[in-house]
PDB file of N, CA and C in Angstrom:
ATOM      1  N   MET A   1     239.056 100.393  20.914  1.00  0.00           N
ATOM      2  CA  MET A   1     237.986  99.424  20.927  1.00  0.00           C
ATOM      3  C   MET A   1     237.780  98.986  22.379  1.00  0.00           C
ATOM      4  N   THR A   2     236.516  98.842  22.777  1.00  0.00           N
ATOM      5  CA  THR A   2     236.214  98.466  24.155  1.00  0.00           C
ATOM      6  C   THR A   2     236.115  96.959  24.277  1.00  0.00           C
ATOM      7  N   ASP A   3     236.519  96.472  25.423  1.00  0.00           N
ATOM      8  CA  ASP A   3     236.455  95.048  25.713  1.00  0.00           C
ATOM      9  C   ASP A   3     235.081  94.729  26.294  1.00  0.00           C
ATOM     10  N   PRO A   4     234.276  93.845  25.668  1.00  0.00           N
ATOM     11  CA  PRO A   4     232.933  93.559  26.173  1.00  0.00           C
ATOM     12  C   PRO A   4     232.939  92.834  27.521  1.00  0.00           C
ATOM     13  N   VAL A   5     234.074  92.258  27.912  1.00  0.00           N
ATOM     14  CA  VAL A   5     234.150  91.521  29.165  1.00  0.00           C
ATOM     15  C   VAL A   5     234.619  92.418  30.315  1.00  0.00           C
ATOM     16  N   ALA A   6     235.169  93.584  29.997  1.00  0.00           N
ATOM     17  CA  ALA A   6     235.694  94.480  31.033  1.00  0.00           C
ATOM     18  C   ALA A   6     234.558  94.955  31.936  1.00  0.00           C
ATOM     19  N   PRO A   7     234.819  95.071  33.251  1.00  0.00           N
ATOM     20  CA  PRO A   7     233.771  95.533  34.168  1.00  0.00           C
ATOM     21  C   PRO A   7     233.406  96.987  33.896  1.00  0.00           C
ATOM     22  N   ALA A   8     232.173  97.326  34.163  1.00  0.00           N
ATOM     23  CA  ALA A   8     231.720  98.701  33.968  1.00  0.00           C
ATOM     24  C   ALA A   8     232.432  99.614  34.958  1.00  0.00           C
ATOM     25  N   ARG A   9     232.735 100.820  34.536  1.00  0.00           N
ATOM     26  CA  ARG A   9     233.392 101.771  35.420  1.00  0.00           C
ATOM     27  C   ARG A   9     232.361 102.307  36.392  1.00  0.00           C
ATOM     28  N   LEU A  10     232.663 102.199  37.653  1.00  0.00           N
ATOM     29  CA  LEU A  10     231.752 102.647  38.690  1.00  0.00           C
ATOM     30  C   LEU A  10     232.252 103.949  39.296  1.00  0.00           C
ATOM     31  N   ILE A  11     231.338 104.710  39.846  1.00  0.00           N
ATOM     32  CA  ILE A  11     231.714 105.921  40.548  1.00  0.00           C
ATOM     33  C   ILE A  11     232.255 105.495  41.913  1.00  0.00           C
ATOM     34  N   PRO A  12     233.427 105.953  42.290  1.00  0.00           N
ATOM     35  CA  PRO A  12     233.977 105.575  43.604  1.00  0.00           C
ATOM     36  C   PRO A  12     233.068 106.049  44.743  1.00  0.00           C
ATOM     37  N   ALA A  13     233.131 105.347  45.856  1.00  0.00           N
ATOM     38  CA  ALA A  13     232.257 105.637  46.992  1.00  0.00           C
ATOM     39  C   ALA A  13     232.450 107.065  47.503  1.00  0.00           C
ATOM     40  N   ARG A  14     233.666 107.535  47.549  1.00  0.00           N
ATOM     41  CA  ARG A  14     233.914 108.902  48.050  1.00  0.00           C
ATOM     42  C   ARG A  14     233.248 109.944  47.165  1.00  0.00           C
ATOM     43  N   LEU A  15     233.297 109.748  45.839  1.00  0.00           N
ATOM     44  CA  LEU A  15     232.670 110.691  44.920  1.00  0.00           C
ATOM     45  C   LEU A  15     231.144 110.602  45.021  1.00  0.00           C
ATOM     46  N   ARG A  16     230.607 109.389  45.184  1.00  0.00           N
ATOM     47  CA  ARG A  16     229.151 109.228  45.374  1.00  0.00           C
ATOM     48  C   ARG A  16     228.691 109.970  46.618  1.00  0.00           C
ATOM     49  N   LYS A  17     229.468 109.886  47.691  1.00  0.00           N
ATOM     50  CA  LYS A  17     229.089 110.557  48.936  1.00  0.00           C
ATOM     51  C   LYS A  17     229.178 112.078  48.785  1.00  0.00           C
ATOM     52  N   LEU A  18     230.152 112.567  48.050  1.00  0.00           N
ATOM     53  CA  LEU A  18     230.261 113.998  47.805  1.00  0.00           C
ATOM     54  C   LEU A  18     229.068 114.482  46.984  1.00  0.00           C
ATOM     55  N   ILE A  19     228.770 113.794  45.893  1.00  0.00           N
ATOM     56  CA  ILE A  19     227.633 114.167  45.046  1.00  0.00           C
ATOM     57  C   ILE A  19     226.332 114.081  45.835  1.00  0.00           C
ATOM     58  N   GLY A  20     226.161 113.003  46.571  1.00  0.00           N
ATOM     59  CA  GLY A  20     224.946 112.829  47.358  1.00  0.00           C
ATOM     60  C   GLY A  20     224.807 113.866  48.450  1.00  0.00           C
ATOM     61  N   GLY A  21     225.895 114.185  49.116  1.00  0.00           N
ATOM     62  CA  GLY A  21     225.853 115.196  50.169  1.00  0.00           C
ATOM     63  C   GLY A  21     225.452 116.564  49.636  1.00  0.00           C
ATOM     64  N   LEU A  22     226.020 116.929  48.499  1.00  0.00           N
ATOM     65  CA  LEU A  22     225.637 118.198  47.874  1.00  0.00           C
ATOM     66  C   LEU A  22     224.183 118.165  47.420  1.00  0.00           C
ATOM     67  N   GLY A  23     223.758 117.024  46.878  1.00  0.00           N
ATOM     68  CA  GLY A  23     222.362 116.880  46.453  1.00  0.00           C
ATOM     69  C   GLY A  23     221.397 116.991  47.614  1.00  0.00           C
ATOM     70  N   ILE A  24     221.755 116.403  48.750  1.00  0.00           N
ATOM     71  CA  ILE A  24     220.905 116.481  49.941  1.00  0.00           C
ATOM     72  C   ILE A  24     220.798 117.923  50.414  1.00  0.00           C
ATOM     73  N   MET A  25     221.916 118.643  50.441  1.00  0.00           N
ATOM     74  CA  MET A  25     221.885 120.035  50.896  1.00  0.00           C
ATOM     75  C   MET A  25     221.012 120.901  49.984  1.00  0.00           C
ATOM     76  N   VAL A  26     221.138 120.712  48.680  1.00  0.00           N
ATOM     77  CA  VAL A  26     220.322 121.486  47.739  1.00  0.00           C
ATOM     78  C   VAL A  26     218.846 121.128  47.912  1.00  0.00           C
ATOM     79  N   PHE A  27     218.546 119.831  47.993  1.00  0.00           N
ATOM     80  CA  PHE A  27     217.162 119.396  48.159  1.00  0.00           C
ATOM     81  C   PHE A  27     216.567 119.967  49.441  1.00  0.00           C
ATOM     82  N   LEU A  28     217.292 119.887  50.553  1.00  0.00           N
ATOM     83  CA  LEU A  28     216.762 120.380  51.823  1.00  0.00           C
ATOM     84  C   LEU A  28     216.560 121.894  51.806  1.00  0.00           C
ATOM     85  N   GLY A  29     217.443 122.612  51.159  1.00  0.00           N
ATOM     86  CA  GLY A  29     217.255 124.059  51.040  1.00  0.00           C
ATOM     87  C   GLY A  29     215.984 124.406  50.293  1.00  0.00           C
ATOM     88  N   VAL A  30     215.755 123.730  49.176  1.00  0.00           N
ATOM     89  CA  VAL A  30     214.542 123.960  48.388  1.00  0.00           C
ATOM     90  C   VAL A  30     213.310 123.476  49.150  1.00  0.00           C
ATOM     91  N   TYR A  31     213.426 122.350  49.834  1.00  0.00           N
ATOM     92  CA  TYR A  31     212.301 121.789  50.576  1.00  0.00           C
ATOM     93  C   TYR A  31     211.880 122.710  51.717  1.00  0.00           C
ATOM     94  N   VAL A  32     212.848 123.213  52.469  1.00  0.00           N
ATOM     95  CA  VAL A  32     212.537 124.114  53.583  1.00  0.00           C
ATOM     96  C   VAL A  32     211.935 125.411  53.051  1.00  0.00           C
ATOM     97  N   TRP A  33     212.496 125.947  51.999  1.00  0.00           N
ATOM     98  CA  TRP A  33     211.958 127.169  51.401  1.00  0.00           C
ATOM     99  C   TRP A  33     210.508 126.949  50.968  1.00  0.00           C
ATOM    100  N   GLY A  34     210.236 125.805  50.328  1.00  0.00           N
ATOM    101  CA  GLY A  34     208.872 125.507  49.887  1.00  0.00           C
ATOM    102  C   GLY A  34     207.919 125.309  51.053  1.00  0.00           C
ATOM    103  N   ALA A  35     208.368 124.602  52.079  1.00  0.00           N
ATOM    104  CA  ALA A  35     207.507 124.343  53.238  1.00  0.00           C
ATOM    105  C   ALA A  35     207.164 125.636  53.966  1.00  0.00           C
ATOM    106  N   VAL A  36     208.131 126.511  54.123  1.00  0.00           N
ATOM    107  CA  VAL A  36     207.883 127.779  54.804  1.00  0.00           C
ATOM    108  C   VAL A  36     207.006 128.689  53.938  1.00  0.00           C
ATOM    109  N   SER A  37     207.194 128.639  52.622  1.00  0.00           N
ATOM    110  CA  SER A  37     206.364 129.448  51.731  1.00  0.00           C
ATOM    111  C   SER A  37     204.909 128.984  51.748  1.00  0.00           C
ATOM    112  N   LEU A  38     204.701 127.682  51.818  1.00  0.00           N
ATOM    113  CA  LEU A  38     203.333 127.155  51.867  1.00  0.00           C
ATOM    114  C   LEU A  38     202.647 127.474  53.188  1.00  0.00           C
ATOM    115  N   TYR A  39     203.410 127.722  54.221  1.00  0.00           N
ATOM    116  CA  TYR A  39     202.833 128.055  55.526  1.00  0.00           C
ATOM    117  C   TYR A  39     201.940 129.298  55.439  1.00  0.00           C
ATOM    118  N   ASP A  40     202.312 130.242  54.588  1.00  0.00           N
ATOM    119  CA  ASP A  40     201.516 131.464  54.444  1.00  0.00           C
ATOM    120  C   ASP A  40     200.125 131.184  53.895  1.00  0.00           C
ATOM    121  N   LEU A  41     199.949 130.078  53.209  1.00  0.00           N
ATOM    122  CA  LEU A  41     198.655 129.742  52.617  1.00  0.00           C
ATOM    123  C   LEU A  41     197.743 128.979  53.567  1.00  0.00           C
ATOM    124  N   LEU A  42     198.265 128.567  54.719  1.00  0.00           N
ATOM    125  CA  LEU A  42     197.467 127.793  55.667  1.00  0.00           C
ATOM    126  C   LEU A  42     196.473 128.683  56.397  1.00  0.00           C
ATOM    127  N   PRO A  43     195.324 128.118  56.758  1.00  0.00           N
ATOM    128  CA  PRO A  43     194.394 128.896  57.579  1.00  0.00           C
ATOM    129  C   PRO A  43     194.970 129.100  58.981  1.00  0.00           C
ATOM    130  N   ASP A  44     194.486 130.110  59.661  1.00  0.00           N
ATOM    131  CA  ASP A  44     194.984 130.425  61.003  1.00  0.00           C
ATOM    132  C   ASP A  44     194.314 129.494  62.019  1.00  0.00           C
ATOM    133  N   ASN A  45     194.709 128.230  61.981  1.00  0.00           N
ATOM    134  CA  ASN A  45     194.137 127.207  62.855  1.00  0.00           C
ATOM    135  C   ASN A  45     195.293 126.378  63.404  1.00  0.00           C
ATOM    136  N   ARG A  46     195.414 126.299  64.720  1.00  0.00           N
ATOM    137  CA  ARG A  46     196.539 125.588  65.343  1.00  0.00           C
ATOM    138  C   ARG A  46     196.584 124.115  64.960  1.00  0.00           C
ATOM    139  N   ALA A  47     195.445 123.466  64.858  1.00  0.00           N
ATOM    140  CA  ALA A  47     195.421 122.039  64.527  1.00  0.00           C
ATOM    141  C   ALA A  47     195.949 121.801  63.115  1.00  0.00           C
ATOM    142  N   VAL A  48     195.537 122.643  62.183  1.00  0.00           N
ATOM    143  CA  VAL A  48     196.013 122.511  60.795  1.00  0.00           C
ATOM    144  C   VAL A  48     197.512 122.757  60.736  1.00  0.00           C
ATOM    145  N   GLN A  49     197.979 123.764  61.453  1.00  0.00           N
ATOM    146  CA  GLN A  49     199.413 124.070  61.464  1.00  0.00           C
ATOM    147  C   GLN A  49     200.215 122.944  62.098  1.00  0.00           C
ATOM    148  N   LEU A  50     199.697 122.355  63.154  1.00  0.00           N
ATOM    149  CA  LEU A  50     200.381 121.239  63.809  1.00  0.00           C
ATOM    150  C   LEU A  50     200.527 120.053  62.865  1.00  0.00           C
ATOM    151  N   VAL A  51     199.441 119.691  62.191  1.00  0.00           N
ATOM    152  CA  VAL A  51     199.487 118.564  61.247  1.00  0.00           C
ATOM    153  C   VAL A  51     200.423 118.895  60.086  1.00  0.00           C
ATOM    154  N   TYR A  52     200.342 120.121  59.579  1.00  0.00           N
ATOM    155  CA  TYR A  52     201.193 120.512  58.455  1.00  0.00           C
ATOM    156  C   TYR A  52     202.672 120.397  58.803  1.00  0.00           C
ATOM    157  N   PHE A  53     203.066 120.960  59.947  1.00  0.00           N
ATOM    158  CA  PHE A  53     204.487 120.938  60.294  1.00  0.00           C
ATOM    159  C   PHE A  53     204.956 119.543  60.697  1.00  0.00           C
ATOM    160  N   ALA A  54     204.057 118.725  61.237  1.00  0.00           N
ATOM    161  CA  ALA A  54     204.439 117.335  61.529  1.00  0.00           C
ATOM    162  C   ALA A  54     204.713 116.587  60.231  1.00  0.00           C
ATOM    163  N   LEU A  55     203.828 116.753  59.249  1.00  0.00           N
ATOM    164  CA  LEU A  55     204.030 116.077  57.956  1.00  0.00           C
ATOM    165  C   LEU A  55     205.217 116.666  57.195  1.00  0.00           C
ATOM    166  N   ALA A  56     205.353 117.973  57.208  1.00  0.00           N
ATOM    167  CA  ALA A  56     206.475 118.610  56.506  1.00  0.00           C
ATOM    168  C   ALA A  56     207.805 118.261  57.178  1.00  0.00           C
ATOM    169  N   GLY A  57     207.797 118.141  58.482  1.00  0.00           N
ATOM    170  CA  GLY A  57     209.029 117.818  59.200  1.00  0.00           C
ATOM    171  C   GLY A  57     209.491 116.395  58.981  1.00  0.00           C
ATOM    172  N   LEU A  58     208.550 115.491  58.758  1.00  0.00           N
ATOM    173  CA  LEU A  58     208.909 114.090  58.519  1.00  0.00           C
ATOM    174  C   LEU A  58     208.979 113.743  57.033  1.00  0.00           C
ATOM    175  N   GLY A  59     208.359 114.577  56.196  1.00  0.00           N
ATOM    176  CA  GLY A  59     208.221 114.252  54.770  1.00  0.00           C
ATOM    177  C   GLY A  59     209.483 114.369  53.940  1.00  0.00           C
ATOM    178  N   TRP A  60     210.512 115.013  54.445  1.00  0.00           N
ATOM    179  CA  TRP A  60     211.715 115.198  53.632  1.00  0.00           C
ATOM    180  C   TRP A  60     212.487 113.899  53.449  1.00  0.00           C
ATOM    181  N   GLY A  61     212.348 112.954  54.361  1.00  0.00           N
ATOM    182  CA  GLY A  61     213.168 111.748  54.323  1.00  0.00           C
ATOM    183  C   GLY A  61     212.805 110.797  53.201  1.00  0.00           C
ATOM    184  N   LEU A  62     211.535 110.666  52.907  1.00  0.00           N
ATOM    185  CA  LEU A  62     211.099 109.696  51.895  1.00  0.00           C
ATOM    186  C   LEU A  62     211.686 109.957  50.510  1.00  0.00           C
ATOM    187  N   PRO A  63     211.678 111.196  50.016  1.00  0.00           N
ATOM    188  CA  PRO A  63     212.286 111.425  48.696  1.00  0.00           C
ATOM    189  C   PRO A  63     213.802 111.216  48.679  1.00  0.00           C
ATOM    190  N   LEU A  64     214.454 111.311  49.838  1.00  0.00           N
ATOM    191  CA  LEU A  64     215.911 111.179  49.880  1.00  0.00           C
ATOM    192  C   LEU A  64     216.396 109.744  50.079  1.00  0.00           C
ATOM    193  N   LEU A  65     215.497 108.822  50.380  1.00  0.00           N
ATOM    194  CA  LEU A  65     215.919 107.437  50.618  1.00  0.00           C
ATOM    195  C   LEU A  65     216.666 106.812  49.435  1.00  0.00           C
ATOM    196  N   PRO A  66     216.178 106.954  48.190  1.00  0.00           N
ATOM    197  CA  PRO A  66     216.954 106.369  47.075  1.00  0.00           C
ATOM    198  C   PRO A  66     218.352 106.968  46.936  1.00  0.00           C
ATOM    199  N   LEU A  67     218.468 108.269  47.161  1.00  0.00           N
ATOM    200  CA  LEU A  67     219.782 108.911  47.065  1.00  0.00           C
ATOM    201  C   LEU A  67     220.712 108.404  48.159  1.00  0.00           C
ATOM    202  N   MET A  68     220.203 108.290  49.376  1.00  0.00           N
ATOM    203  CA  MET A  68     221.031 107.800  50.480  1.00  0.00           C
ATOM    204  C   MET A  68     221.412 106.337  50.273  1.00  0.00           C
ATOM    205  N   SER A  69     220.525 105.557  49.685  1.00  0.00           N
ATOM    206  CA  SER A  69     220.843 104.164  49.378  1.00  0.00           C
ATOM    207  C   SER A  69     221.953 104.088  48.327  1.00  0.00           C
ATOM    208  N   TRP A  70     221.872 104.928  47.313  1.00  0.00           N
ATOM    209  CA  TRP A  70     222.893 104.965  46.266  1.00  0.00           C
ATOM    210  C   TRP A  70     224.234 105.393  46.850  1.00  0.00           C
ATOM    211  N   MET A  71     224.203 106.371  47.764  1.00  0.00           N
ATOM    212  CA  MET A  71     225.442 106.849  48.373  1.00  0.00           C
ATOM    213  C   MET A  71     226.110 105.764  49.214  1.00  0.00           C
ATOM    214  N   GLY A  72     225.324 104.894  49.836  1.00  0.00           N
ATOM    215  CA  GLY A  72     225.869 103.907  50.758  1.00  0.00           C
ATOM    216  C   GLY A  72     226.363 102.630  50.124  1.00  0.00           C
ATOM    217  N   LYS A  73     226.245 102.509  48.807  1.00  0.00           N
ATOM    218  CA  LYS A  73     226.737 101.292  48.143  1.00  0.00           C
ATOM    219  C   LYS A  73     228.240 101.174  48.314  1.00  0.00           C
ATOM    220  N   ALA A  74     228.675  99.967  48.556  1.00  0.00           N
ATOM    221  CA  ALA A  74     230.113  99.706  48.675  1.00  0.00           C
ATOM    222  C   ALA A  74     230.727  99.547  47.291  1.00  0.00           C
ATOM    223  N   ASP A  75     231.994  99.884  47.192  1.00  0.00           N
ATOM    224  CA  ASP A  75     232.717  99.654  45.938  1.00  0.00           C
ATOM    225  C   ASP A  75     232.891  98.166  45.727  1.00  0.00           C
ATOM    226  N   LYS A  76     232.749  97.742  44.475  1.00  0.00           N
ATOM    227  CA  LYS A  76     232.962  96.341  44.137  1.00  0.00           C
ATOM    228  C   LYS A  76     234.462  96.105  43.970  1.00  0.00           C
ATOM    229  N   PRO A  77     234.958  95.012  44.548  1.00  0.00           N
ATOM    230  CA  PRO A  77     236.388  94.729  44.362  1.00  0.00           C
ATOM    231  C   PRO A  77     236.693  94.422  42.894  1.00  0.00           C
ATOM    232  N   ILE A  78     237.851  94.865  42.458  1.00  0.00           N
ATOM    233  CA  ILE A  78     238.241  94.652  41.060  1.00  0.00           C
ATOM    234  C   ILE A  78     239.085  93.401  40.955  1.00  0.00           C
TER     235      ILE A  78
END
């Protein structure tokens, strides 16, 4: 029987960082593959390519912010 007052079991910080690190590597691999694959569909125009690579180069961070925030949480003292 579970105790309703017992604190919830949390994932330790080291395990969160391991999971998050692996998740970041997988996400970046897929993201780079997708960005390079989409490059073939761009018109042969330097301005379009410049804007595309500027946005693609900066765009990876926004989807990863929640994961990095979750990874950086401190363990709660017991």
